[in-house]
Amino acid sequence: VGYYYAATDKAPKPGEYKYLTQGILRVDNLLVTFTILTNDG
């Protein structure tokens, strides 16, 4: 099990991503950190 959140950047600069989804998940005896960067659509 793990946890994450999703947020929208107030002022992304050109070439940066607008949306961030980030968290951490336990996978057996590992902790898997993750970052998902996307834009509209």
All heavy atoms as atom14 arrays in JSON, in Angstrom:
{
  "sequence": "VGYYYAATDKAPKPGEYKYLTQGILRVDNLLVTFTILTNDG",
  "atom14_mask": [
    [1, 1, 1, 1, 1, 1, 1, 0, 0, 0, 0, 0, 0, 0],
    [1, 1, 1, 1, 0, 0, 0, 0, 0, 0, 0, 0, 0, 0],
    [1, 1, 1, 1, 1, 1, 1, 1, 1, 1, 1, 1, 0, 0],
    [1, 1, 1, 1, 1, 1, 1, 1, 1, 1, 1, 1, 0, 0],
    [1, 1, 1, 1, 1, 1, 1, 1, 1, 1, 1, 1, 0, 0],
    [1, 1, 1, 1, 1, 0, 0, 0, 0, 0, 0, 0, 0, 0],
    [1, 1, 1, 1, 1, 0, 0, 0, 0, 0, 0, 0, 0, 0],
    [1, 1, 1, 1, 1, 1, 1, 0, 0, 0, 0, 0, 0, 0],
    [1, 1, 1, 1, 1, 1, 1, 1, 0, 0, 0, 0, 0, 0],
    [1, 1, 1, 1, 1, 1, 1, 1, 1, 0, 0, 0, 0, 0],
    [1, 1, 1, 1, 1, 0, 0, 0, 0, 0, 0, 0, 0, 0],
    [1, 1, 1, 1, 1, 1, 1, 0, 0, 0, 0, 0, 0, 0],
    [1, 1, 1, 1, 1, 1, 1, 1, 1, 0, 0, 0, 0, 0],
    [1, 1, 1, 1, 1, 1, 1, 0, 0, 0, 0, 0, 0, 0],
    [1, 1, 1, 1, 0, 0, 0, 0, 0, 0, 0, 0, 0, 0],
    [1, 1, 1, 1, 1, 1, 1, 1, 1, 0, 0, 0, 0, 0],
    [1, 1, 1, 1, 1, 1, 1, 1, 1, 1, 1, 1, 0, 0],
    [1, 1, 1, 1, 1, 1, 1, 1, 1, 0, 0, 0, 0, 0],
    [1, 1, 1, 1, 1, 1, 1, 1, 1, 1, 1, 1, 0, 0],
    [1, 1, 1, 1, 1, 1, 1, 1, 0, 0, 0, 0, 0, 0],
    [1, 1, 1, 1, 1, 1, 1, 0, 0, 0, 0, 0, 0, 0],
    [1, 1, 1, 1, 1, 1, 1, 1, 1, 0, 0, 0, 0, 0],
    [1, 1, 1, 1, 0, 0, 0, 0, 0, 0, 0, 0, 0, 0],
    [1, 1, 1, 1, 1, 1, 1, 1, 0, 0, 0, 0, 0, 0],
    [1, 1, 1, 1, 1, 1, 1, 1, 0, 0, 0, 0, 0, 0],
    [1, 1, 1, 1, 1, 1, 1, 1, 1, 1, 1, 0, 0, 0],
    [1, 1, 1, 1, 1, 1, 1, 0, 0, 0, 0, 0, 0, 0],
    [1, 1, 1, 1, 1, 1, 1, 1, 0, 0, 0, 0, 0, 0],
    [1, 1, 1, 1, 1, 1, 1, 1, 0, 0, 0, 0, 0, 0],
    [1, 1, 1, 1, 1, 1, 1, 1, 0, 0, 0, 0, 0, 0],
    [1, 1, 1, 1, 1, 1, 1, 1, 0, 0, 0, 0, 0, 0],
    [1, 1, 1, 1, 1, 1, 1, 0, 0, 0, 0, 0, 0, 0],
    [1, 1, 1, 1, 1, 1, 1, 0, 0, 0, 0, 0, 0, 0],
    [1, 1, 1, 1, 1, 1, 1, 1, 1, 1, 1, 0, 0, 0],
    [1, 1, 1, 1, 1, 1, 1, 0, 0, 0, 0, 0, 0, 0],
    [1, 1, 1, 1, 1, 1, 1, 1, 0, 0, 0, 0, 0, 0],
    [1, 1, 1, 1, 1, 1, 1, 1, 0, 0, 0, 0, 0, 0],
    [1, 1, 1, 1, 1, 1, 1, 0, 0, 0, 0, 0, 0, 0],
    [1, 1, 1, 1, 1, 1, 1, 1, 0, 0, 0, 0, 0, 0],
    [1, 1, 1, 1, 1, 1, 1, 1, 0, 0, 0, 0, 0, 0],
    [1, 1, 1, 1, 0, 0, 0, 0, 0, 0, 0, 0, 0, 0]
  ],
  "atom14_positions": [
    [[0.84, -1.19, 0.0], [0.0, 0.0, 0.0], [0.88, 1.25, 0.0], [2.03, 1.21, 0.45], [-0.96, 0.0, 1.22], [-0.19, 0.15, 2.53], [-2.01, 1.07, 1.1], [0.0, 0.0, 0.0], [0.0, 0.0, 0.0], [0.0, 0.0, 0.0], [0.0, 0.0, 0.0], [0.0, 0.0, 0.0], [0.0, 0.0, 0.0], [0.0, 0.0, 0.0]],
    [[0.34, 2.33, -0.51], [1.04, 3.6, -0.52], [0.05, 4.74, -0.61], [-1.17, 4.55, -0.49], [0.0, 0.0, 0.0], [0.0, 0.0, 0.0], [0.0, 0.0, 0.0], [0.0, 0.0, 0.0], [0.0, 0.0, 0.0], [0.0, 0.0, 0.0], [0.0, 0.0, 0.0], [0.0, 0.0, 0.0], [0.0, 0.0, 0.0], [0.0, 0.0, 0.0]],
    [[0.59, 5.94, -0.85], [-0.23, 7.15, -0.91], [0.33, 8.09, -1.95], [1.54, 8.08, -2.22], [-0.27, 7.83, 0.47], [-0.93, 6.95, 1.49], [-0.17, 6.06, 2.25], [-2.31, 6.98, 1.67], [-0.78, 5.21, 3.15], [-2.91, 6.12, 2.58], [-2.14, 5.25, 3.32], [-2.74, 4.4, 4.21], [0.0, 0.0, 0.0], [0.0, 0.0, 0.0]],
    [[-0.54, 8.92, -2.5], [-0.11, 9.91, -3.47], [-1.05, 11.12, -3.43], [-2.1, 11.09, -2.79], [-0.06, 9.31, -4.88], [-1.4, 9.02, -5.51], [-2.0, 9.92, -6.39], [-2.07, 7.83, -5.24], [-3.22, 9.65, -6.97], [-3.28, 7.55, -5.83], [-3.87, 8.47, -6.69], [-5.07, 8.2, -7.27], [0.0, 0.0, 0.0], [0.0, 0.0, 0.0]],
    [[-0.67, 12.16, -4.13], [-1.49, 13.34, -4.28], [-1.36, 13.83, -5.72], [-0.44, 13.42, -6.45], [-1.06, 14.45, -3.31], [0.3, 15.01, -3.62], [0.45, 16.1, -4.47], [1.45, 14.43, -3.08], [1.71, 16.59, -4.78], [2.69, 14.91, -3.38], [2.82, 16.0, -4.24], [4.06, 16.48, -4.55], [0.0, 0.0, 0.0], [0.0, 0.0, 0.0]],
    [[-2.27, 14.68, -6.12], [-2.22, 15.3, -7.44], [-2.41, 16.8, -7.25], [-3.26, 17.22, -6.46], [-3.3, 14.73, -8.34], [0.0, 0.0, 0.0], [0.0, 0.0, 0.0], [0.0, 0.0, 0.0], [0.0, 0.0, 0.0], [0.0, 0.0, 0.0], [0.0, 0.0, 0.0], [0.0, 0.0, 0.0], [0.0, 0.0, 0.0], [0.0, 0.0, 0.0]],
    [[-1.61, 17.59, -7.97], [-1.68, 19.04, -7.85], [-1.43, 19.69, -9.2], [-0.81, 19.11, -10.08], [-0.65, 19.53, -6.82], [0.0, 0.0, 0.0], [0.0, 0.0, 0.0], [0.0, 0.0, 0.0], [0.0, 0.0, 0.0], [0.0, 0.0, 0.0], [0.0, 0.0, 0.0], [0.0, 0.0, 0.0], [0.0, 0.0, 0.0], [0.0, 0.0, 0.0]],
    [[-1.91, 20.93, -9.32], [-1.74, 21.73, -10.52], [-0.82, 22.89, -10.22], [-1.06, 23.64, -9.26], [-3.11, 22.27, -10.99], [-4.03, 21.19, -11.09], [-2.99, 22.97, -12.33], [0.0, 0.0, 0.0], [0.0, 0.0, 0.0], [0.0, 0.0, 0.0], [0.0, 0.0, 0.0], [0.0, 0.0, 0.0], [0.0, 0.0, 0.0], [0.0, 0.0, 0.0]],
    [[0.22, 23.06, -11.01], [1.17, 24.17, -10.85], [0.46, 25.48, -11.17], [-0.16, 25.62, -12.22], [2.36, 23.95, -11.79], [3.53, 24.89, -11.51], [3.31, 26.0, -10.96], [4.65, 24.52, -11.86], [0.0, 0.0, 0.0], [0.0, 0.0, 0.0], [0.0, 0.0, 0.0], [0.0, 0.0, 0.0], [0.0, 0.0, 0.0], [0.0, 0.0, 0.0]],
    [[0.57, 26.47, -10.26], [-0.04, 27.78, -10.48], [0.52, 28.48, -11.7], [-0.2, 29.15, -12.43], [0.21, 28.68, -9.26], [-0.73, 28.53, -8.14], [-0.4, 29.57, -7.07], [-1.2, 29.35, -5.82], [-0.81, 30.29, -4.75], [0.0, 0.0, 0.0], [0.0, 0.0, 0.0], [0.0, 0.0, 0.0], [0.0, 0.0, 0.0], [0.0, 0.0, 0.0]],
    [[1.82, 28.37, -11.89], [2.49, 29.14, -12.94], [3.62, 28.33, -13.58], [4.8, 28.64, -13.4], [3.03, 30.44, -12.36], [0.0, 0.0, 0.0], [0.0, 0.0, 0.0], [0.0, 0.0, 0.0], [0.0, 0.0, 0.0], [0.0, 0.0, 0.0], [0.0, 0.0, 0.0], [0.0, 0.0, 0.0], [0.0, 0.0, 0.0], [0.0, 0.0, 0.0]],
    [[3.26, 27.3, -14.36], [4.34, 26.54, -15.0], [5.05, 27.4, -16.04], [4.41, 28.15, -16.78], [3.61, 25.36, -15.65], [2.2, 25.8, -15.8], [1.94, 26.8, -14.71], [0.0, 0.0, 0.0], [0.0, 0.0, 0.0], [0.0, 0.0, 0.0], [0.0, 0.0, 0.0], [0.0, 0.0, 0.0], [0.0, 0.0, 0.0], [0.0, 0.0, 0.0]],
    [[6.35, 27.31, -16.06], [7.14, 28.05, -17.05], [7.06, 27.32, -18.39], [6.73, 26.14, -18.44], [8.59, 28.16, -16.57], [8.72, 28.95, -15.29], [10.16, 29.02, -14.81], [10.19, 29.84, -13.55], [10.92, 29.24, -12.49], [0.0, 0.0, 0.0], [0.0, 0.0, 0.0], [0.0, 0.0, 0.0], [0.0, 0.0, 0.0], [0.0, 0.0, 0.0]],
    [[7.4, 28.01, -19.48], [7.39, 27.33, -20.78], [8.26, 26.08, -20.73], [9.36, 26.09, -20.2], [7.98, 28.38, -21.72], [7.68, 29.69, -21.06], [7.76, 29.42, -19.58], [0.0, 0.0, 0.0], [0.0, 0.0, 0.0], [0.0, 0.0, 0.0], [0.0, 0.0, 0.0], [0.0, 0.0, 0.0], [0.0, 0.0, 0.0], [0.0, 0.0, 0.0]],
    [[7.71, 24.98, -21.27], [8.44, 23.72, -21.28], [8.28, 22.89, -20.02], [8.71, 21.75, -19.96], [0.0, 0.0, 0.0], [0.0, 0.0, 0.0], [0.0, 0.0, 0.0], [0.0, 0.0, 0.0], [0.0, 0.0, 0.0], [0.0, 0.0, 0.0], [0.0, 0.0, 0.0], [0.0, 0.0, 0.0], [0.0, 0.0, 0.0], [0.0, 0.0, 0.0]],
    [[7.65, 23.45, -18.97], [7.4, 22.7, -17.75], [6.02, 22.06, -17.81], [5.19, 22.4, -18.65], [7.49, 23.61, -16.53], [8.89, 24.09, -16.23], [8.99, 24.92, -14.96], [7.95, 25.37, -14.43], [10.11, 25.12, -14.51], [0.0, 0.0, 0.0], [0.0, 0.0, 0.0], [0.0, 0.0, 0.0], [0.0, 0.0, 0.0], [0.0, 0.0, 0.0]],
    [[5.77, 21.16, -16.89], [4.5, 20.46, -16.84], [3.52, 21.17, -15.92], [3.92, 21.77, -14.92], [4.7, 19.02, -16.39], [5.44, 18.2, -17.41], [6.82, 17.98, -17.29], [4.78, 17.67, -18.51], [7.5, 17.25, -18.24], [5.46, 16.93, -19.46], [6.82, 16.73, -19.33], [7.49, 16.0, -20.27], [0.0, 0.0, 0.0], [0.0, 0.0, 0.0]],
    [[2.25, 21.06, -16.25], [1.19, 21.72, -15.48], [0.73, 20.86, -14.29], [0.4, 21.37, -13.24], [0.02, 22.01, -16.41], [-1.12, 22.78, -15.78], [-2.16, 23.13, -16.83], [-3.31, 23.9, -16.22], [-4.32, 24.23, -17.26], [0.0, 0.0, 0.0], [0.0, 0.0, 0.0], [0.0, 0.0, 0.0], [0.0, 0.0, 0.0], [0.0, 0.0, 0.0]],
    [[0.7, 19.53, -14.48], [0.14, 18.63, -13.46], [1.22, 17.72, -12.86], [2.07, 17.21, -13.57], [-0.96, 17.76, -14.06], [-2.07, 18.58, -14.66], [-2.22, 18.67, -16.04], [-2.97, 19.27, -13.85], [-3.23, 19.43, -16.6], [-3.98, 20.04, -14.41], [-4.1, 20.12, -15.78], [-5.09, 20.88, -16.34], [0.0, 0.0, 0.0], [0.0, 0.0, 0.0]],
    [[1.12, 17.54, -11.56], [2.04, 16.7, -10.81], [1.23, 15.69, -10.01], [0.31, 16.06, -9.28], [2.88, 17.56, -9.85], [3.66, 16.83, -8.75], [4.79, 16.01, -9.36], [4.2, 17.84, -7.74], [0.0, 0.0, 0.0], [0.0, 0.0, 0.0], [0.0, 0.0, 0.0], [0.0, 0.0, 0.0], [0.0, 0.0, 0.0], [0.0, 0.0, 0.0]],
    [[1.58, 14.42, -10.16], [1.04, 13.36, -9.31], [2.26, 12.69, -8.7], [3.19, 12.31, -9.42], [0.22, 12.35, -10.14], [-0.83, 13.05, -10.81], [-0.37, 11.27, -9.24], [0.0, 0.0, 0.0], [0.0, 0.0, 0.0], [0.0, 0.0, 0.0], [0.0, 0.0, 0.0], [0.0, 0.0, 0.0], [0.0, 0.0, 0.0], [0.0, 0.0, 0.0]],
    [[2.3, 12.59, -7.38], [3.52, 12.13, -6.73], [3.17, 11.35, -5.47], [2.19, 11.66, -4.79], [4.38, 13.34, -6.36], [5.78, 13.02, -5.94], [6.6, 14.3, -5.82], [6.22, 15.22, -5.12], [7.73, 14.33, -6.5], [0.0, 0.0, 0.0], [0.0, 0.0, 0.0], [0.0, 0.0, 0.0], [0.0, 0.0, 0.0], [0.0, 0.0, 0.0]],
    [[3.99, 10.32, -5.17], [3.73, 9.56, -3.97], [4.77, 8.49, -3.72], [5.86, 8.51, -4.3], [0.0, 0.0, 0.0], [0.0, 0.0, 0.0], [0.0, 0.0, 0.0], [0.0, 0.0, 0.0], [0.0, 0.0, 0.0], [0.0, 0.0, 0.0], [0.0, 0.0, 0.0], [0.0, 0.0, 0.0], [0.0, 0.0, 0.0], [0.0, 0.0, 0.0]],
    [[4.38, 7.57, -2.84], [5.26, 6.49, -2.44], [4.4, 5.24, -2.22], [3.3, 5.33, -1.69], [6.07, 6.87, -1.18], [7.15, 5.84, -0.88], [5.18, 7.09, 0.01], [8.19, 6.35, 0.13], [0.0, 0.0, 0.0], [0.0, 0.0, 0.0], [0.0, 0.0, 0.0], [0.0, 0.0, 0.0], [0.0, 0.0, 0.0], [0.0, 0.0, 0.0]],
    [[4.92, 4.1, -2.67], [4.2, 2.83, -2.59], [5.14, 1.77, -2.05], [6.28, 1.65, -2.51], [3.7, 2.43, -3.99], [3.07, 1.05, -4.14], [1.74, 0.97, -3.39], [2.85, 0.75, -5.63], [0.0, 0.0, 0.0], [0.0, 0.0, 0.0], [0.0, 0.0, 0.0], [0.0, 0.0, 0.0], [0.0, 0.0, 0.0], [0.0, 0.0, 0.0]],
    [[4.66, 1.01, -1.1], [5.45, -0.12, -0.63], [5.2, -1.3, -1.56], [4.06, -1.64, -1.87], [5.06, -0.5, 0.8], [5.93, -1.63, 1.31], [5.9, -1.74, 2.79], [6.7, -2.89, 3.18], [6.86, -3.25, 4.42], [6.32, -2.57, 5.4], [7.6, -4.3, 4.72], [0.0, 0.0, 0.0], [0.0, 0.0, 0.0], [0.0, 0.0, 0.0]],
    [[6.29, -1.9, -2.03], [6.23, -3.08, -2.89], [7.11, -4.13, -2.23], [8.33, -4.07, -2.32], [6.72, -2.78, -4.33], [6.7, -4.04, -5.17], [5.87, -1.69, -4.97], [0.0, 0.0, 0.0], [0.0, 0.0, 0.0], [0.0, 0.0, 0.0], [0.0, 0.0, 0.0], [0.0, 0.0, 0.0], [0.0, 0.0, 0.0], [0.0, 0.0, 0.0]],
    [[6.47, -5.04, -1.49], [7.19, -6.02, -0.69], [8.14, -5.29, 0.26], [7.69, -4.5, 1.07], [7.9, -7.05, -1.57], [6.92, -7.91, -2.36], [5.86, -8.23, -1.81], [7.2, -8.21, -3.53], [0.0, 0.0, 0.0], [0.0, 0.0, 0.0], [0.0, 0.0, 0.0], [0.0, 0.0, 0.0], [0.0, 0.0, 0.0], [0.0, 0.0, 0.0]],
    [[9.47, -5.51, 0.13], [10.4, -4.82, 1.03], [11.09, -3.64, 0.35], [12.18, -3.23, 0.74], [11.42, -5.8, 1.63], [12.39, -6.32, 0.6], [12.09, -6.35, -0.59], [13.55, -6.74, 1.05], [0.0, 0.0, 0.0], [0.0, 0.0, 0.0], [0.0, 0.0, 0.0], [0.0, 0.0, 0.0], [0.0, 0.0, 0.0], [0.0, 0.0, 0.0]],
    [[10.44, -3.08, -0.66], [10.93, -1.86, -1.32], [9.97, -0.72, -1.05], [8.77, -0.92, -0.86], [10.99, -2.06, -2.85], [11.89, -3.13, -3.42], [11.66, -3.22, -4.93], [13.35, -2.83, -3.12], [0.0, 0.0, 0.0], [0.0, 0.0, 0.0], [0.0, 0.0, 0.0], [0.0, 0.0, 0.0], [0.0, 0.0, 0.0], [0.0, 0.0, 0.0]],
    [[10.51, 0.5, -1.08], [9.67, 1.69, -1.13], [9.87, 2.27, -2.52], [11.0, 2.55, -2.93], [10.1, 2.71, -0.07], [9.87, 2.29, 1.38], [10.36, 3.37, 2.33], [8.41, 1.97, 1.63], [0.0, 0.0, 0.0], [0.0, 0.0, 0.0], [0.0, 0.0, 0.0], [0.0, 0.0, 0.0], [0.0, 0.0, 0.0], [0.0, 0.0, 0.0]],
    [[8.78, 2.41, -3.26], [8.85, 2.91, -4.62], [8.3, 4.33, -4.63], [7.1, 4.54, -4.39], [8.07, 2.0, -5.59], [8.1, 2.57, -7.01], [8.63, 0.58, -5.55], [0.0, 0.0, 0.0], [0.0, 0.0, 0.0], [0.0, 0.0, 0.0], [0.0, 0.0, 0.0], [0.0, 0.0, 0.0], [0.0, 0.0, 0.0], [0.0, 0.0, 0.0]],
    [[9.19, 5.3, -4.88], [8.74, 6.68, -5.01], [8.42, 6.93, -6.48], [9.04, 6.33, -7.36], [9.81, 7.67, -4.53], [10.96, 7.57, -5.37], [10.2, 7.42, -3.08], [0.0, 0.0, 0.0], [0.0, 0.0, 0.0], [0.0, 0.0, 0.0], [0.0, 0.0, 0.0], [0.0, 0.0, 0.0], [0.0, 0.0, 0.0], [0.0, 0.0, 0.0]],
    [[7.46, 7.8, -6.72], [7.08, 8.07, -8.11], [6.63, 9.51, -8.29], [6.1, 10.13, -7.39], [5.99, 7.1, -8.58], [4.71, 7.14, -7.79], [3.66, 7.97, -8.18], [4.54, 6.35, -6.67], [2.48, 8.01, -7.46], [3.36, 6.37, -5.94], [2.32, 7.21, -6.34], [0.0, 0.0, 0.0], [0.0, 0.0, 0.0], [0.0, 0.0, 0.0]],
    [[6.9, 10.0, -9.5], [6.5, 11.33, -9.93], [5.94, 11.2, -11.34], [6.6, 10.61, -12.21], [7.71, 12.3, -9.93], [8.23, 12.38, -8.6], [7.31, 13.68, -10.42], [0.0, 0.0, 0.0], [0.0, 0.0, 0.0], [0.0, 0.0, 0.0], [0.0, 0.0, 0.0], [0.0, 0.0, 0.0], [0.0, 0.0, 0.0], [0.0, 0.0, 0.0]],
    [[4.75, 11.73, -11.55], [4.09, 11.71, -12.86], [3.86, 13.16, -13.26], [3.16, 13.89, -12.56], [2.75, 10.94, -12.79], [2.96, 9.54, -12.2], [2.08, 10.91, -14.16], [1.67, 8.86, -11.75], [0.0, 0.0, 0.0], [0.0, 0.0, 0.0], [0.0, 0.0, 0.0], [0.0, 0.0, 0.0], [0.0, 0.0, 0.0], [0.0, 0.0, 0.0]],
    [[4.45, 13.56, -14.38], [4.34, 14.94, -14.86], [3.61, 14.95, -16.19], [4.04, 14.29, -17.15], [5.74, 15.54, -15.02], [6.58, 15.59, -13.75], [8.04, 15.89, -14.07], [6.02, 16.63, -12.79], [0.0, 0.0, 0.0], [0.0, 0.0, 0.0], [0.0, 0.0, 0.0], [0.0, 0.0, 0.0], [0.0, 0.0, 0.0], [0.0, 0.0, 0.0]],
    [[2.5, 15.71, -16.26], [1.68, 15.74, -17.46], [1.16, 17.15, -17.73], [1.35, 18.06, -16.92], [0.47, 14.79, -17.32], [-0.3, 15.19, -16.18], [0.89, 13.34, -17.19], [0.0, 0.0, 0.0], [0.0, 0.0, 0.0], [0.0, 0.0, 0.0], [0.0, 0.0, 0.0], [0.0, 0.0, 0.0], [0.0, 0.0, 0.0], [0.0, 0.0, 0.0]],
    [[0.47, 17.27, -18.86], [-0.2, 18.51, -19.23], [-1.66, 18.21, -19.54], [-2.13, 17.09, -19.34], [0.51, 19.15, -20.44], [1.79, 19.84, -20.03], [1.81, 20.62, -19.09], [2.87, 19.55, -20.72], [0.0, 0.0, 0.0], [0.0, 0.0, 0.0], [0.0, 0.0, 0.0], [0.0, 0.0, 0.0], [0.0, 0.0, 0.0], [0.0, 0.0, 0.0]],
    [[-2.39, 19.2, -20.04], [-3.81, 19.04, -20.35], [-4.04, 17.85, -21.27], [-3.25, 17.57, -22.17], [-4.35, 20.31, -21.01], [-4.45, 21.48, -20.02], [-4.73, 21.24, -18.83], [-4.26, 22.63, -20.45], [0.0, 0.0, 0.0], [0.0, 0.0, 0.0], [0.0, 0.0, 0.0], [0.0, 0.0, 0.0], [0.0, 0.0, 0.0], [0.0, 0.0, 0.0]],
    [[-5.14, 17.14, -21.04], [-5.54, 16.05, -21.9], [-4.79, 14.75, -21.7], [-4.87, 13.86, -22.54], [0.0, 0.0, 0.0], [0.0, 0.0, 0.0], [0.0, 0.0, 0.0], [0.0, 0.0, 0.0], [0.0, 0.0, 0.0], [0.0, 0.0, 0.0], [0.0, 0.0, 0.0], [0.0, 0.0, 0.0], [0.0, 0.0, 0.0], [0.0, 0.0, 0.0]]
  ]
}
